[in-house]
Full PDB file with SEQRES, HELIX, SHEET, SSBOND, CRYST1, ORIGX, SCALE, CONECT and MASTER records, all heavy atoms in Angstrom:
SEQRES   1 A   40  HIS LEU ALA ARG ARG LEU LEU SER ARG GLY ASP SER VAL          
SEQRES   2 A   40  THR GLY VAL ASP ASN LEU ASN ALA TYR TYR ASP VAL THR          
SEQRES   3 A   40  LEU LYS GLU ALA ARG LEU ALA GLN LEU ALA ALA THR PRO          
SEQRES   4 A   40  GLY                                                          
HELIX    1 AA1 LEU A    2  ARG A    9  1                                   8    
HELIX    2 AA2 VAL A   25  ALA A   36  1                                  12    
CRYST1    1.000    1.000    1.000  90.00  90.00  90.00 P 1           1          
ORIGX1      1.000000  0.000000  0.000000        0.00000                         
ORIGX2      0.000000  1.000000  0.000000        0.00000                         
ORIGX3      0.000000  0.000000  1.000000        0.00000                         
SCALE1      1.000000  0.000000  0.000000        0.00000                         
SCALE2      0.000000  1.000000  0.000000        0.00000                         
SCALE3      0.000000  0.000000  1.000000        0.00000                         
ATOM      1  N   HIS A   1      -3.652  -5.307   1.488  1.00  0.00           N  
ATOM      2  CA  HIS A   1      -3.982  -5.974   2.791  1.00  0.00           C  
ATOM      3  C   HIS A   1      -2.915  -6.643   3.549  1.00  0.00           C  
ATOM      4  O   HIS A   1      -2.770  -6.629   4.729  1.00  0.00           O  
ATOM      5  CB  HIS A   1      -5.159  -7.137   2.451  1.00  0.00           C  
ATOM      6  CG  HIS A   1      -6.451  -6.464   2.172  1.00  0.00           C  
ATOM      7  ND1 HIS A   1      -7.298  -6.300   3.140  1.00  0.00           N  
ATOM      8  CD2 HIS A   1      -7.110  -6.240   1.140  1.00  0.00           C  
ATOM      9  CE1 HIS A   1      -8.556  -5.736   2.697  1.00  0.00           C  
ATOM     10  NE2 HIS A   1      -8.325  -5.709   1.412  1.00  0.00           N  
ATOM     11  N   LEU A   2      -1.947  -7.210   2.676  1.00  0.00           N  
ATOM     12  CA  LEU A   2      -0.871  -7.881   3.293  1.00  0.00           C  
ATOM     13  C   LEU A   2       0.131  -6.829   3.832  1.00  0.00           C  
ATOM     14  O   LEU A   2       0.630  -7.012   5.028  1.00  0.00           O  
ATOM     15  CB  LEU A   2      -0.034  -8.679   2.224  1.00  0.00           C  
ATOM     16  CG  LEU A   2       1.222  -9.338   2.851  1.00  0.00           C  
ATOM     17  CD1 LEU A   2       0.984 -10.349   3.912  1.00  0.00           C  
ATOM     18  CD2 LEU A   2       2.036 -10.092   1.714  1.00  0.00           C  
ATOM     19  N   ALA A   3       0.321  -5.643   3.190  1.00  0.00           N  
ATOM     20  CA  ALA A   3       1.064  -4.551   3.840  1.00  0.00           C  
ATOM     21  C   ALA A   3       0.537  -4.184   5.122  1.00  0.00           C  
ATOM     22  O   ALA A   3       1.265  -4.023   6.093  1.00  0.00           O  
ATOM     23  CB  ALA A   3       1.154  -3.451   2.813  1.00  0.00           C  
ATOM     24  N   ARG A   4      -0.761  -3.992   5.199  1.00  0.00           N  
ATOM     25  CA  ARG A   4      -1.419  -3.552   6.450  1.00  0.00           C  
ATOM     26  C   ARG A   4      -1.130  -4.644   7.552  1.00  0.00           C  
ATOM     27  O   ARG A   4      -0.945  -4.275   8.722  1.00  0.00           O  
ATOM     28  CB  ARG A   4      -2.948  -3.342   6.240  1.00  0.00           C  
ATOM     29  CG  ARG A   4      -3.216  -2.097   5.360  1.00  0.00           C  
ATOM     30  CD  ARG A   4      -4.645  -1.691   5.609  1.00  0.00           C  
ATOM     31  NE  ARG A   4      -5.662  -2.546   5.496  1.00  0.00           N  
ATOM     32  CZ  ARG A   4      -6.860  -2.328   5.615  1.00  0.00           C  
ATOM     33  NH1 ARG A   4      -7.363  -1.146   5.899  1.00  0.00           N  
ATOM     34  NH2 ARG A   4      -7.884  -3.289   5.386  1.00  0.00           N  
ATOM     35  N   ARG A   5      -1.293  -5.821   7.195  1.00  0.00           N  
ATOM     36  CA  ARG A   5      -1.095  -7.017   8.229  1.00  0.00           C  
ATOM     37  C   ARG A   5       0.334  -6.995   8.752  1.00  0.00           C  
ATOM     38  O   ARG A   5       0.526  -7.146   9.963  1.00  0.00           O  
ATOM     39  CB  ARG A   5      -1.338  -8.209   7.573  1.00  0.00           C  
ATOM     40  CG  ARG A   5      -1.111  -9.490   8.301  1.00  0.00           C  
ATOM     41  CD  ARG A   5      -2.200  -9.714   9.517  1.00  0.00           C  
ATOM     42  NE  ARG A   5      -1.993 -10.992  10.063  1.00  0.00           N  
ATOM     43  CZ  ARG A   5      -1.124 -11.308  11.065  1.00  0.00           C  
ATOM     44  NH1 ARG A   5      -0.218 -10.275  11.439  1.00  0.00           N  
ATOM     45  NH2 ARG A   5      -1.022 -12.535  11.600  1.00  0.00           N  
ATOM     46  N   LEU A   6       1.308  -6.720   7.859  1.00  0.00           N  
ATOM     47  CA  LEU A   6       2.739  -6.848   8.172  1.00  0.00           C  
ATOM     48  C   LEU A   6       3.057  -5.570   9.115  1.00  0.00           C  
ATOM     49  O   LEU A   6       3.717  -5.633  10.138  1.00  0.00           O  
ATOM     50  CB  LEU A   6       3.520  -6.776   7.120  1.00  0.00           C  
ATOM     51  CG  LEU A   6       3.463  -8.212   6.274  1.00  0.00           C  
ATOM     52  CD1 LEU A   6       4.392  -8.165   4.969  1.00  0.00           C  
ATOM     53  CD2 LEU A   6       3.785  -9.414   7.022  1.00  0.00           C  
ATOM     54  N   LEU A   7       2.515  -4.471   8.663  1.00  0.00           N  
ATOM     55  CA  LEU A   7       2.840  -3.166   9.356  1.00  0.00           C  
ATOM     56  C   LEU A   7       2.252  -3.147  10.800  1.00  0.00           C  
ATOM     57  O   LEU A   7       2.688  -2.587  11.796  1.00  0.00           O  
ATOM     58  CB  LEU A   7       2.280  -2.056   8.648  1.00  0.00           C  
ATOM     59  CG  LEU A   7       3.041  -1.703   7.287  1.00  0.00           C  
ATOM     60  CD1 LEU A   7       2.161  -0.688   6.499  1.00  0.00           C  
ATOM     61  CD2 LEU A   7       4.446  -1.070   7.618  1.00  0.00           C  
ATOM     62  N   SER A   8       1.129  -3.782  10.875  1.00  0.00           N  
ATOM     63  CA  SER A   8       0.302  -3.928  12.223  1.00  0.00           C  
ATOM     64  C   SER A   8       1.125  -4.775  13.170  1.00  0.00           C  
ATOM     65  O   SER A   8       0.814  -4.558  14.431  1.00  0.00           O  
ATOM     66  CB  SER A   8      -1.038  -4.395  12.040  1.00  0.00           C  
ATOM     67  OG  SER A   8      -0.958  -5.822  11.683  1.00  0.00           O  
ATOM     68  N   ARG A   9       1.919  -5.674  12.729  1.00  0.00           N  
ATOM     69  CA  ARG A   9       2.664  -6.514  13.701  1.00  0.00           C  
ATOM     70  C   ARG A   9       4.051  -6.034  14.022  1.00  0.00           C  
ATOM     71  O   ARG A   9       4.793  -6.580  14.622  1.00  0.00           O  
ATOM     72  CB  ARG A   9       2.726  -7.990  13.202  1.00  0.00           C  
ATOM     73  CG  ARG A   9       3.501  -8.223  11.996  1.00  0.00           C  
ATOM     74  CD  ARG A   9       3.467  -9.712  11.659  1.00  0.00           C  
ATOM     75  NE  ARG A   9       4.514 -10.093  10.687  1.00  0.00           N  
ATOM     76  CZ  ARG A   9       4.762 -11.286  10.256  1.00  0.00           C  
ATOM     77  NH1 ARG A   9       3.994 -12.261  10.530  1.00  0.00           N  
ATOM     78  NH2 ARG A   9       5.756 -11.524   9.499  1.00  0.00           N  
ATOM     79  N   GLY A  10       4.346  -4.942  13.255  1.00  0.00           N  
ATOM     80  CA  GLY A  10       5.728  -4.241  13.554  1.00  0.00           C  
ATOM     81  C   GLY A  10       6.705  -4.321  12.486  1.00  0.00           C  
ATOM     82  O   GLY A  10       7.927  -3.884  12.592  1.00  0.00           O  
ATOM     83  N   ASP A  11       6.391  -5.154  11.371  1.00  0.00           N  
ATOM     84  CA  ASP A  11       7.453  -5.231  10.296  1.00  0.00           C  
ATOM     85  C   ASP A  11       7.521  -3.843   9.637  1.00  0.00           C  
ATOM     86  O   ASP A  11       6.523  -3.080   9.500  1.00  0.00           O  
ATOM     87  CB  ASP A  11       6.972  -6.231   9.341  1.00  0.00           C  
ATOM     88  CG  ASP A  11       6.951  -7.643   9.872  1.00  0.00           C  
ATOM     89  OD1 ASP A  11       7.752  -7.808  10.849  1.00  0.00           O  
ATOM     90  OD2 ASP A  11       6.220  -8.490   9.517  1.00  0.00           O  
ATOM     91  N   SER A  12       8.585  -3.629   8.883  1.00  0.00           N  
ATOM     92  CA  SER A  12       8.690  -2.478   7.906  1.00  0.00           C  
ATOM     93  C   SER A  12       8.504  -3.043   6.597  1.00  0.00           C  
ATOM     94  O   SER A  12       9.058  -4.137   6.229  1.00  0.00           O  
ATOM     95  CB  SER A  12       9.993  -1.752   8.132  1.00  0.00           C  
ATOM     96  OG  SER A  12      11.058  -2.684   7.878  1.00  0.00           O  
ATOM     97  N   VAL A  13       7.878  -2.270   5.707  1.00  0.00           N  
ATOM     98  CA  VAL A  13       7.542  -2.674   4.399  1.00  0.00           C  
ATOM     99  C   VAL A  13       7.958  -1.601   3.431  1.00  0.00           C  
ATOM    100  O   VAL A  13       7.679  -0.487   3.489  1.00  0.00           O  
ATOM    101  CB  VAL A  13       5.989  -3.046   4.150  1.00  0.00           C  
ATOM    102  CG1 VAL A  13       5.719  -3.350   2.773  1.00  0.00           C  
ATOM    103  CG2 VAL A  13       5.635  -4.047   5.147  1.00  0.00           C  
ATOM    104  N   THR A  14       8.703  -2.152   2.384  1.00  0.00           N  
ATOM    105  CA  THR A  14       8.915  -1.243   1.222  1.00  0.00           C  
ATOM    106  C   THR A  14       8.133  -1.839   0.127  1.00  0.00           C  
ATOM    107  O   THR A  14       8.291  -3.094  -0.317  1.00  0.00           O  
ATOM    108  CB  THR A  14      10.542  -1.343   0.804  1.00  0.00           C  
ATOM    109  OG1 THR A  14      11.277  -0.839   1.774  1.00  0.00           O  
ATOM    110  CG2 THR A  14      10.750  -0.591  -0.495  1.00  0.00           C  
ATOM    111  N   GLY A  15       7.196  -1.055  -0.362  1.00  0.00           N  
ATOM    112  CA  GLY A  15       6.311  -1.438  -1.373  1.00  0.00           C  
ATOM    113  C   GLY A  15       6.673  -0.917  -2.641  1.00  0.00           C  
ATOM    114  O   GLY A  15       7.179   0.216  -2.920  1.00  0.00           O  
ATOM    115  N   VAL A  16       6.483  -1.783  -3.651  1.00  0.00           N  
ATOM    116  CA  VAL A  16       6.816  -1.456  -5.186  1.00  0.00           C  
ATOM    117  C   VAL A  16       5.578  -1.678  -6.025  1.00  0.00           C  
ATOM    118  O   VAL A  16       4.924  -2.779  -5.778  1.00  0.00           O  
ATOM    119  CB  VAL A  16       7.980  -2.327  -5.627  1.00  0.00           C  
ATOM    120  CG1 VAL A  16       8.284  -2.097  -7.145  1.00  0.00           C  
ATOM    121  CG2 VAL A  16       9.218  -2.107  -4.846  1.00  0.00           C  
ATOM    122  N   ASP A  17       5.292  -0.835  -6.828  1.00  0.00           N  
ATOM    123  CA  ASP A  17       4.172  -0.879  -7.762  1.00  0.00           C  
ATOM    124  C   ASP A  17       4.293   0.030  -8.934  1.00  0.00           C  
ATOM    125  O   ASP A  17       4.880   1.063  -8.715  1.00  0.00           O  
ATOM    126  CB  ASP A  17       2.866  -0.589  -7.032  1.00  0.00           C  
ATOM    127  CG  ASP A  17       1.632  -1.465  -7.692  1.00  0.00           C  
ATOM    128  OD1 ASP A  17       1.254  -1.100  -8.848  1.00  0.00           O  
ATOM    129  OD2 ASP A  17       0.985  -2.256  -7.100  1.00  0.00           O  
ATOM    130  N   ASN A  18       3.897  -0.505 -10.154  1.00  0.00           N  
ATOM    131  CA  ASN A  18       3.899   0.437 -11.335  1.00  0.00           C  
ATOM    132  C   ASN A  18       2.642   1.300 -11.509  1.00  0.00           C  
ATOM    133  O   ASN A  18       2.735   2.034 -12.392  1.00  0.00           O  
ATOM    134  CB  ASN A  18       4.384  -0.200 -12.541  1.00  0.00           C  
ATOM    135  CG  ASN A  18       3.404  -1.334 -13.055  1.00  0.00           C  
ATOM    136  OD1 ASN A  18       2.341  -1.502 -12.451  1.00  0.00           O  
ATOM    137  ND2 ASN A  18       3.695  -1.940 -14.214  1.00  0.00           N  
ATOM    138  N   LEU A  19       1.733   0.951 -10.746  1.00  0.00           N  
ATOM    139  CA  LEU A  19       0.409   1.675 -10.818  1.00  0.00           C  
ATOM    140  C   LEU A  19      -0.134   1.599 -12.399  1.00  0.00           C  
ATOM    141  O   LEU A  19      -0.554   2.699 -12.937  1.00  0.00           O  
ATOM    142  CB  LEU A  19       0.497   3.127 -10.347  1.00  0.00           C  
ATOM    143  CG  LEU A  19       0.856   3.267  -8.836  1.00  0.00           C  
ATOM    144  CD1 LEU A  19       1.040   4.673  -8.574  1.00  0.00           C  
ATOM    145  CD2 LEU A  19      -0.234   2.653  -8.064  1.00  0.00           C  
ATOM    146  N   ASN A  20      -0.145   0.503 -13.018  1.00  0.00           N  
ATOM    147  CA  ASN A  20      -0.568   0.501 -14.405  1.00  0.00           C  
ATOM    148  C   ASN A  20      -2.074   0.571 -14.497  1.00  0.00           C  
ATOM    149  O   ASN A  20      -2.737   0.520 -13.402  1.00  0.00           O  
ATOM    150  CB  ASN A  20      -0.073  -0.752 -15.094  1.00  0.00           C  
ATOM    151  CG  ASN A  20      -0.761  -2.106 -14.615  1.00  0.00           C  
ATOM    152  OD1 ASN A  20      -1.790  -2.052 -14.106  1.00  0.00           O  
ATOM    153  ND2 ASN A  20       0.016  -3.179 -14.556  1.00  0.00           N  
ATOM    154  N   ALA A  21      -2.402   0.816 -15.685  1.00  0.00           N  
ATOM    155  CA  ALA A  21      -3.940   1.124 -15.887  1.00  0.00           C  
ATOM    156  C   ALA A  21      -4.771  -0.114 -16.163  1.00  0.00           C  
ATOM    157  O   ALA A  21      -5.876  -0.058 -16.790  1.00  0.00           O  
ATOM    158  CB  ALA A  21      -4.034   2.164 -16.960  1.00  0.00           C  
ATOM    159  N   TYR A  22      -4.417  -1.344 -15.804  1.00  0.00           N  
ATOM    160  CA  TYR A  22      -5.056  -2.467 -16.002  1.00  0.00           C  
ATOM    161  C   TYR A  22      -6.604  -2.345 -15.397  1.00  0.00           C  
ATOM    162  O   TYR A  22      -7.635  -2.747 -16.000  1.00  0.00           O  
ATOM    163  CB  TYR A  22      -4.423  -3.620 -15.488  1.00  0.00           C  
ATOM    164  CG  TYR A  22      -5.324  -4.994 -15.625  1.00  0.00           C  
ATOM    165  CD1 TYR A  22      -5.526  -5.638 -16.662  1.00  0.00           C  
ATOM    166  CD2 TYR A  22      -5.684  -5.658 -14.372  1.00  0.00           C  
ATOM    167  CE1 TYR A  22      -6.391  -6.650 -16.837  1.00  0.00           C  
ATOM    168  CE2 TYR A  22      -6.413  -6.757 -14.350  1.00  0.00           C  
ATOM    169  CZ  TYR A  22      -6.833  -7.325 -15.468  1.00  0.00           C  
ATOM    170  OH  TYR A  22      -7.629  -8.419 -15.651  1.00  0.00           O  
ATOM    171  N   TYR A  23      -6.559  -1.684 -14.294  1.00  0.00           N  
ATOM    172  CA  TYR A  23      -7.944  -1.325 -13.792  1.00  0.00           C  
ATOM    173  C   TYR A  23      -7.747   0.025 -13.002  1.00  0.00           C  
ATOM    174  O   TYR A  23      -6.662   0.603 -12.965  1.00  0.00           O  
ATOM    175  CB  TYR A  23      -8.527  -2.303 -12.850  1.00  0.00           C  
ATOM    176  CG  TYR A  23      -7.829  -2.665 -11.567  1.00  0.00           C  
ATOM    177  CD1 TYR A  23      -7.882  -1.813 -10.413  1.00  0.00           C  
ATOM    178  CD2 TYR A  23      -7.001  -3.775 -11.430  1.00  0.00           C  
ATOM    179  CE1 TYR A  23      -7.146  -2.146  -9.239  1.00  0.00           C  
ATOM    180  CE2 TYR A  23      -6.295  -4.187 -10.296  1.00  0.00           C  
ATOM    181  CZ  TYR A  23      -6.404  -3.193  -9.166  1.00  0.00           C  
ATOM    182  OH  TYR A  23      -5.875  -3.462  -7.959  1.00  0.00           O  
ATOM    183  N   ASP A  24      -8.763   0.626 -12.658  1.00  0.00           N  
ATOM    184  CA  ASP A  24      -8.889   2.111 -12.005  1.00  0.00           C  
ATOM    185  C   ASP A  24      -7.632   2.355 -11.078  1.00  0.00           C  
ATOM    186  O   ASP A  24      -7.546   1.825 -10.073  1.00  0.00           O  
ATOM    187  CB  ASP A  24     -10.150   2.188 -11.202  1.00  0.00           C  
ATOM    188  CG  ASP A  24     -10.418   3.464 -10.601  1.00  0.00           C  
ATOM    189  OD1 ASP A  24      -9.621   4.519 -11.091  1.00  0.00           O  
ATOM    190  OD2 ASP A  24     -11.287   3.539  -9.826  1.00  0.00           O  
ATOM    191  N   VAL A  25      -6.815   3.289 -11.612  1.00  0.00           N  
ATOM    192  CA  VAL A  25      -5.647   3.709 -10.827  1.00  0.00           C  
ATOM    193  C   VAL A  25      -5.978   4.429  -9.561  1.00  0.00           C  
ATOM    194  O   VAL A  25      -5.257   4.420  -8.563  1.00  0.00           O  
ATOM    195  CB  VAL A  25      -4.728   4.623 -11.775  1.00  0.00           C  
ATOM    196  CG1 VAL A  25      -3.384   5.000 -11.012  1.00  0.00           C  
ATOM    197  CG2 VAL A  25      -4.223   3.744 -13.000  1.00  0.00           C  
ATOM    198  N   THR A  26      -7.175   5.208  -9.636  1.00  0.00           N  
ATOM    199  CA  THR A  26      -7.499   5.896  -8.411  1.00  0.00           C  
ATOM    200  C   THR A  26      -7.778   4.946  -7.177  1.00  0.00           C  
ATOM    201  O   THR A  26      -7.620   5.292  -6.071  1.00  0.00           O  
ATOM    202  CB  THR A  26      -8.734   6.739  -8.596  1.00  0.00           C  
ATOM    203  OG1 THR A  26      -9.867   6.000  -8.961  1.00  0.00           O  
ATOM    204  CG2 THR A  26      -8.472   7.805  -9.765  1.00  0.00           C  
ATOM    205  N   LEU A  27      -8.261   3.739  -7.388  1.00  0.00           N  
ATOM    206  CA  LEU A  27      -8.464   2.740  -6.401  1.00  0.00           C  
ATOM    207  C   LEU A  27      -7.059   2.305  -5.897  1.00  0.00           C  
ATOM    208  O   LEU A  27      -6.910   2.214  -4.643  1.00  0.00           O  
ATOM    209  CB  LEU A  27      -9.268   1.617  -6.932  1.00  0.00           C  
ATOM    210  CG  LEU A  27      -9.418   0.363  -5.935  1.00  0.00           C  
ATOM    211  CD1 LEU A  27     -10.266   0.946  -4.923  1.00  0.00           C  
ATOM    212  CD2 LEU A  27     -10.199  -0.767  -6.631  1.00  0.00           C  
ATOM    213  N   LYS A  28      -6.111   2.128  -6.668  1.00  0.00           N  
ATOM    214  CA  LYS A  28      -4.759   1.852  -6.244  1.00  0.00           C  
ATOM    215  C   LYS A  28      -4.090   2.922  -5.417  1.00  0.00           C  
ATOM    216  O   LYS A  28      -3.469   2.701  -4.391  1.00  0.00           O  
ATOM    217  CB  LYS A  28      -3.763   1.488  -7.570  1.00  0.00           C  
ATOM    218  CG  LYS A  28      -4.266   0.421  -8.317  1.00  0.00           C  
ATOM    219  CD  LYS A  28      -3.449   0.100  -9.581  1.00  0.00           C  
ATOM    220  CE  LYS A  28      -3.901  -1.035 -10.443  1.00  0.00           C  
ATOM    221  NZ  LYS A  28      -2.934  -1.254 -11.530  1.00  0.00           N  
ATOM    222  N   GLU A  29      -4.378   4.157  -5.903  1.00  0.00           N  
ATOM    223  CA  GLU A  29      -3.873   5.339  -5.207  1.00  0.00           C  
ATOM    224  C   GLU A  29      -4.536   5.527  -3.779  1.00  0.00           C  
ATOM    225  O   GLU A  29      -3.815   5.853  -2.796  1.00  0.00           O  
ATOM    226  CB  GLU A  29      -4.044   6.584  -6.038  1.00  0.00           C  
ATOM    227  CG  GLU A  29      -3.122   6.589  -7.270  1.00  0.00           C  
ATOM    228  CD  GLU A  29      -3.508   7.790  -8.205  1.00  0.00           C  
ATOM    229  OE1 GLU A  29      -4.710   8.169  -8.172  1.00  0.00           O  
ATOM    230  OE2 GLU A  29      -2.607   8.154  -9.004  1.00  0.00           O  
ATOM    231  N   ALA A  30      -5.735   5.236  -3.833  1.00  0.00           N  
ATOM    232  CA  ALA A  30      -6.546   5.229  -2.450  1.00  0.00           C  
ATOM    233  C   ALA A  30      -5.882   4.175  -1.516  1.00  0.00           C  
ATOM    234  O   ALA A  30      -5.718   4.516  -0.196  1.00  0.00           O  
ATOM    235  CB  ALA A  30      -7.976   4.931  -2.665  1.00  0.00           C  
ATOM    236  N   ARG A  31      -5.593   3.064  -1.937  1.00  0.00           N  
ATOM    237  CA  ARG A  31      -4.924   1.971  -1.143  1.00  0.00           C  
ATOM    238  C   ARG A  31      -3.626   2.518  -0.626  1.00  0.00           C  
ATOM    239  O   ARG A  31      -3.262   2.485   0.645  1.00  0.00           O  
ATOM    240  CB  ARG A  31      -4.707   0.690  -1.857  1.00  0.00           C  
ATOM    241  CG  ARG A  31      -6.043  -0.088  -2.356  1.00  0.00           C  
ATOM    242  CD  ARG A  31      -5.678  -1.212  -3.059  1.00  0.00           C  
ATOM    243  NE  ARG A  31      -6.752  -1.924  -3.718  1.00  0.00           N  
ATOM    244  CZ  ARG A  31      -6.838  -2.430  -4.960  1.00  0.00           C  
ATOM    245  NH1 ARG A  31      -5.810  -2.201  -5.735  1.00  0.00           N  
ATOM    246  NH2 ARG A  31      -7.947  -3.053  -5.405  1.00  0.00           N  
ATOM    247  N   LEU A  32      -2.780   3.128  -1.516  1.00  0.00           N  
ATOM    248  CA  LEU A  32      -1.466   3.569  -1.164  1.00  0.00           C  
ATOM    249  C   LEU A  32      -1.609   4.804  -0.108  1.00  0.00           C  
ATOM    250  O   LEU A  32      -0.660   4.850   0.785  1.00  0.00           O  
ATOM    251  CB  LEU A  32      -0.703   3.981  -2.300  1.00  0.00           C  
ATOM    252  CG  LEU A  32      -0.231   3.031  -3.195  1.00  0.00           C  
ATOM    253  CD1 LEU A  32       0.675   3.648  -4.550  1.00  0.00           C  
ATOM    254  CD2 LEU A  32       1.003   2.245  -2.405  1.00  0.00           C  
ATOM    255  N   ALA A  33      -2.567   5.535  -0.219  1.00  0.00           N  
ATOM    256  CA  ALA A  33      -2.758   6.611   0.624  1.00  0.00           C  
ATOM    257  C   ALA A  33      -2.899   6.175   2.080  1.00  0.00           C  
ATOM    258  O   ALA A  33      -2.361   6.736   3.092  1.00  0.00           O  
ATOM    259  CB  ALA A  33      -3.925   7.552   0.237  1.00  0.00           C  
ATOM    260  N   GLN A  34      -3.613   5.091   2.193  1.00  0.00           N  
ATOM    261  CA  GLN A  34      -3.804   4.414   3.521  1.00  0.00           C  
ATOM    262  C   GLN A  34      -2.518   3.989   4.093  1.00  0.00           C  
ATOM    263  O   GLN A  34      -2.243   4.112   5.251  1.00  0.00           O  
ATOM    264  CB  GLN A  34      -4.939   3.377   3.523  1.00  0.00           C  
ATOM    265  CG  GLN A  34      -6.324   3.912   3.351  1.00  0.00           C  
ATOM    266  CD  GLN A  34      -7.357   3.065   3.959  1.00  0.00           C  
ATOM    267  OE1 GLN A  34      -7.089   2.073   4.613  1.00  0.00           O  
ATOM    268  NE2 GLN A  34      -8.547   3.405   3.839  1.00  0.00           N  
ATOM    269  N   LEU A  35      -1.768   3.287   3.206  1.00  0.00           N  
ATOM    270  CA  LEU A  35      -0.380   2.700   3.651  1.00  0.00           C  
ATOM    271  C   LEU A  35       0.483   3.804   3.970  1.00  0.00           C  
ATOM    272  O   LEU A  35       1.312   3.732   4.920  1.00  0.00           O  
ATOM    273  CB  LEU A  35       0.096   1.828   2.504  1.00  0.00           C  
ATOM    274  CG  LEU A  35      -0.724   0.576   2.161  1.00  0.00           C  
ATOM    275  CD1 LEU A  35      -0.139  -0.279   1.080  1.00  0.00           C  
ATOM    276  CD2 LEU A  35      -0.813  -0.347   3.456  1.00  0.00           C  
ATOM    277  N   ALA A  36       0.578   4.828   3.235  1.00  0.00           N  
ATOM    278  CA  ALA A  36       1.456   5.939   3.370  1.00  0.00           C  
ATOM    279  C   ALA A  36       1.314   6.596   4.701  1.00  0.00           C  
ATOM    280  O   ALA A  36       2.320   7.221   5.244  1.00  0.00           O  
ATOM    281  CB  ALA A  36       1.264   6.959   2.242  1.00  0.00           C  
ATOM    282  N   ALA A  37       0.056   6.446   5.308  1.00  0.00           N  
ATOM    283  CA  ALA A  37      -0.122   7.075   6.670  1.00  0.00           C  
ATOM    284  C   ALA A  37       0.299   6.278   7.835  1.00  0.00           C  
ATOM    285  O   ALA A  37       0.108   6.623   8.931  1.00  0.00           O  
ATOM    286  CB  ALA A  37      -1.547   7.382   6.773  1.00  0.00           C  
ATOM    287  N   THR A  38       0.859   5.057   7.493  1.00  0.00           N  
ATOM    288  CA  THR A  38       1.270   4.035   8.459  1.00  0.00           C  
ATOM    289  C   THR A  38       2.755   4.046   8.598  1.00  0.00           C  
ATOM    290  O   THR A  38       3.535   3.913   7.688  1.00  0.00           O  
ATOM    291  CB  THR A  38       0.851   2.635   8.099  1.00  0.00           C  
ATOM    292  OG1 THR A  38      -0.591   2.812   7.841  1.00  0.00           O  
ATOM    293  CG2 THR A  38       1.107   1.824   9.176  1.00  0.00           C  
ATOM    294  N   PRO A  39       3.175   4.334   9.837  1.00  0.00           N  
ATOM    295  CA  PRO A  39       4.610   4.213  10.051  1.00  0.00           C  
ATOM    296  C   PRO A  39       5.223   2.902   9.716  1.00  0.00           C  
ATOM    297  O   PRO A  39       4.650   1.896   9.801  1.00  0.00           O  
ATOM    298  CB  PRO A  39       4.761   4.347  11.710  1.00  0.00           C  
ATOM    299  CG  PRO A  39       3.540   5.175  12.044  1.00  0.00           C  
ATOM    300  CD  PRO A  39       2.528   4.553  11.156  1.00  0.00           C  
ATOM    301  N   GLY A  40       6.399   2.967   8.984  1.00  0.00           N  
ATOM    302  CA  GLY A  40       7.125   1.723   8.635  1.00  0.00           C  
ATOM    303  C   GLY A  40       7.018   1.346   7.196  1.00  0.00           C  
ATOM    304  O   GLY A  40       7.493   0.496   6.734  1.00  0.00           O  
TER     305      GLY A  40                                                      
MASTER        0    0    0    2    0    0    0    6  304    1    0    4          
END                                                                             
């Protein structure tokens, strides 16, 4: 959510995550898919 907020105001974001399996990785991947479609 923070990445989306920052991108929407024109900031560039380098996101880091290890995608560990503490909970459903597919949910994390779905979030990333939305972010990856956003310039910046």
